[in-house]
Each structure stands twice: as structure tokens, then as C-alpha cells.
């Protein structure tokens, strides 16, 4: 269903485009939705344009969302729901360490 709501089947982001990763507890949906789906407080999925930047959302349970800040990529930020935010953030940060890039 997430593929249907977000109108995306896959995102590939090279590690060198990741600026940082964090819990998305402070993120708020803003901008123009195109294309995608939004039911406030329930579901946000798809591409949103805000202040000249593209942000991709795929979140149903906002307490499990992480934000991946990007540079030199199609999106400036990707906000996604994951099963275990703390473990996922740790795993991404481990990949981003200088020894692994």
C-alpha cells in the first residue's frame, strides 16, 4: 500500500549524498503535495515541494519516522517510517563513518 500512496516503488540514495540522519519528531508536513497522498495526522506519502526543495515522505506512524538529510540529490530530505528508529539511525550512521565511505 505504501507504494500506492507515495506513488514510488523504490528510492536509491548513495551514502555520499547523506548529510545526516535523525529522529523525525520535529518534522512537519509543509508545501505542495505532488504527487502523493496526505490524510493529516494519519498518513503522509509522496513528494512535497516546500521553499524550492523536494521532500519525500512515507509515514503512517509518526512516532517511528526518521529524517535523512541529503545534498546533491533529487530530494533535500527523505522522511520515512521504520520499525525501529533508533536501530535504523545507528545502522545508517555506521555506514556513513569515514572508514566505510
C-alpha atoms as a PDB file:
ATOM      1  CA  UNK A   1       0.000   0.000   0.000  1.00  0.00           C
ATOM      2  CA  UNK A   2       2.893   2.379   0.687  1.00  0.00           C
ATOM      3  CA  UNK A   3       3.923   2.171  -2.968  1.00  0.00           C
ATOM      4  CA  UNK A   4       0.410   3.136  -3.983  1.00  0.00           C
ATOM      5  CA  UNK A   5       0.116   6.043  -1.523  1.00  0.00           C
ATOM      6  CA  UNK A   6       3.527   7.525  -2.258  1.00  0.00           C
ATOM      7  CA  UNK A   7       3.483   6.784  -5.991  1.00  0.00           C
ATOM      8  CA  UNK A   8       7.053   5.472  -5.667  1.00  0.00           C
ATOM      9  CA  UNK A   9       8.196   1.884  -5.664  1.00  0.00           C
ATOM     10  CA  UNK A  10      11.814   2.472  -4.734  1.00  0.00           C
ATOM     11  CA  UNK A  11      14.316   5.120  -3.689  1.00  0.00           C
ATOM     12  CA  UNK A  12      18.057   4.640  -4.057  1.00  0.00           C
ATOM     13  CA  UNK A  13      20.262   7.079  -2.221  1.00  0.00           C
ATOM     14  CA  UNK A  14      24.047   6.838  -2.434  1.00  0.00           C
ATOM     15  CA  UNK A  15      25.672   7.093   1.023  1.00  0.00           C
ATOM     16  CA  UNK A  16      27.783  10.039  -0.145  1.00  0.00           C
ATOM     17  CA  UNK A  17      24.564  12.073  -0.616  1.00  0.00           C
ATOM     18  CA  UNK A  18      23.529  11.620   3.040  1.00  0.00           C
ATOM     19  CA  UNK A  19      24.274  14.646   5.186  1.00  0.00           C
ATOM     20  CA  UNK A  20      22.771  13.175   8.344  1.00  0.00           C
ATOM     21  CA  UNK A  21      20.024  11.066   9.866  1.00  0.00           C
ATOM     22  CA  UNK A  22      17.846  11.688  12.909  1.00  0.00           C
ATOM     23  CA  UNK A  23      14.502  11.006  14.515  1.00  0.00           C
ATOM     24  CA  UNK A  24      11.827  12.985  12.675  1.00  0.00           C
ATOM     25  CA  UNK A  25       9.878  14.005  15.755  1.00  0.00           C
ATOM     26  CA  UNK A  26      10.252  17.702  14.890  1.00  0.00           C
ATOM     27  CA  UNK A  27       9.256  17.373  11.214  1.00  0.00           C
ATOM     28  CA  UNK A  28       6.009  18.861   9.953  1.00  0.00           C
ATOM     29  CA  UNK A  29       4.447  18.431   6.566  1.00  0.00           C
ATOM     30  CA  UNK A  30       4.637  21.653   4.583  1.00  0.00           C
ATOM     31  CA  UNK A  31       4.403  22.702   0.987  1.00  0.00           C
ATOM     32  CA  UNK A  32       2.601  21.491  -2.069  1.00  0.00           C
ATOM     33  CA  UNK A  33       1.937  17.756  -2.418  1.00  0.00           C
ATOM     34  CA  UNK A  34       2.773  16.458  -5.885  1.00  0.00           C
ATOM     35  CA  UNK A  35       2.319  13.560  -6.363  1.00  0.00           C
ATOM     36  CA  UNK A  36       1.229  11.681  -3.272  1.00  0.00           C
ATOM     37  CA  UNK A  37      -1.316  11.260  -0.523  1.00  0.00           C
ATOM     38  CA  UNK A  38      -1.957  13.082   2.736  1.00  0.00           C
ATOM     39  CA  UNK A  39      -4.520  12.481   5.444  1.00  0.00           C
ATOM     40  CA  UNK A  40      -3.411  14.850   8.244  1.00  0.00           C
ATOM     41  CA  UNK A  41      -2.324  13.018  11.382  1.00  0.00           C
ATOM     42  CA  UNK A  42      -2.837   9.625   9.735  1.00  0.00           C
ATOM     43  CA  UNK A  43      -0.735   9.284   6.585  1.00  0.00           C
ATOM     44  CA  UNK A  44       1.741  11.297   4.578  1.00  0.00           C
ATOM     45  CA  UNK A  45       3.240   9.708   1.478  1.00  0.00           C
ATOM     46  CA  UNK A  46       4.766  11.155  -1.665  1.00  0.00           C
ATOM     47  CA  UNK A  47       6.687  14.196  -2.827  1.00  0.00           C
ATOM     48  CA  UNK A  48       6.169  17.630  -1.303  1.00  0.00           C
ATOM     49  CA  UNK A  49       7.643  20.888  -2.609  1.00  0.00           C
ATOM     50  CA  UNK A  50       8.489  23.398   0.120  1.00  0.00           C
ATOM     51  CA  UNK A  51      10.563  26.573  -0.275  1.00  0.00           C
ATOM     52  CA  UNK A  52      12.006  25.343  -3.565  1.00  0.00           C
ATOM     53  CA  UNK A  53      13.051  21.954  -2.181  1.00  0.00           C
ATOM     54  CA  UNK A  54      11.673  18.456  -2.706  1.00  0.00           C
ATOM     55  CA  UNK A  55      10.945  16.332   0.356  1.00  0.00           C
ATOM     56  CA  UNK A  56       9.831  12.708   0.158  1.00  0.00           C
ATOM     57  CA  UNK A  57       7.512  11.356   2.864  1.00  0.00           C
ATOM     58  CA  UNK A  58       6.301   7.821   3.592  1.00  0.00           C
ATOM     59  CA  UNK A  59       4.919   7.844   7.122  1.00  0.00           C
ATOM     60  CA  UNK A  60       1.878   6.331   8.792  1.00  0.00           C
ATOM     61  CA  UNK A  61       3.113   6.087  12.408  1.00  0.00           C
ATOM     62  CA  UNK A  62       4.832   9.416  13.011  1.00  0.00           C
ATOM     63  CA  UNK A  63       6.477   8.131  16.223  1.00  0.00           C
ATOM     64  CA  UNK A  64       8.529   5.736  14.071  1.00  0.00           C
ATOM     65  CA  UNK A  65       9.696   8.266  11.478  1.00  0.00           C
ATOM     66  CA  UNK A  66      13.299   9.159  10.695  1.00  0.00           C
ATOM     67  CA  UNK A  67      14.585  12.039   8.584  1.00  0.00           C
ATOM     68  CA  UNK A  68      17.510  11.570   6.216  1.00  0.00           C
ATOM     69  CA  UNK A  69      19.016  14.917   5.184  1.00  0.00           C
ATOM     70  CA  UNK A  70      20.537  14.887   1.704  1.00  0.00           C
ATOM     71  CA  UNK A  71      22.692  17.003  -0.581  1.00  0.00           C
ATOM     72  CA  UNK A  72      23.321  16.742  -4.327  1.00  0.00           C
ATOM     73  CA  UNK A  73      20.252  14.509  -4.695  1.00  0.00           C
ATOM     74  CA  UNK A  74      16.765  14.665  -6.187  1.00  0.00           C
ATOM     75  CA  UNK A  75      15.330  15.222  -2.699  1.00  0.00           C
ATOM     76  CA  UNK A  76      16.656  17.525   0.016  1.00  0.00           C
ATOM     77  CA  UNK A  77      15.200  15.243   2.666  1.00  0.00           C
ATOM     78  CA  UNK A  78      13.544  11.830   2.954  1.00  0.00           C
ATOM     79  CA  UNK A  79      11.218  11.179   5.874  1.00  0.00           C
ATOM     80  CA  UNK A  80      10.242   7.536   6.274  1.00  0.00           C
ATOM     81  CA  UNK A  81       8.676   5.244   8.815  1.00  0.00           C
ATOM     82  CA  UNK A  82      10.845   2.383  10.050  1.00  0.00           C
ATOM     83  CA  UNK A  83      10.205  -0.458  12.505  1.00  0.00           C
ATOM     84  CA  UNK A  84      12.932   0.591  14.954  1.00  0.00           C
ATOM     85  CA  UNK A  85      14.044   4.227  14.542  1.00  0.00           C
ATOM     86  CA  UNK A  86      16.990   4.079  16.973  1.00  0.00           C
ATOM     87  CA  UNK A  87      18.436   0.919  15.421  1.00  0.00           C
ATOM     88  CA  UNK A  88      17.920   2.216  11.872  1.00  0.00           C
ATOM     89  CA  UNK A  89      19.606   5.535  12.675  1.00  0.00           C
ATOM     90  CA  UNK A  90      22.534   3.663  14.228  1.00  0.00           C
ATOM     91  CA  UNK A  91      22.816   1.381  11.206  1.00  0.00           C
ATOM     92  CA  UNK A  92      22.814   4.310   8.758  1.00  0.00           C
ATOM     93  CA  UNK A  93      25.351   6.242  10.832  1.00  0.00           C
ATOM     94  CA  UNK A  94      27.622   3.185  10.882  1.00  0.00           C
ATOM     95  CA  UNK A  95      27.561   3.105   7.070  1.00  0.00           C
ATOM     96  CA  UNK A  96      28.357   6.822   6.973  1.00  0.00           C
ATOM     97  CA  UNK A  97      31.514   6.659   9.087  1.00  0.00           C
ATOM     98  CA  UNK A  98      34.595   7.788   7.135  1.00  0.00           C
ATOM     99  CA  UNK A  99      36.089   4.294   7.200  1.00  0.00           C
ATOM    100  CA  UNK A 100      33.039   2.917   5.381  1.00  0.00           C
ATOM    101  CA  UNK A 101      32.635   5.577   2.663  1.00  0.00           C
END
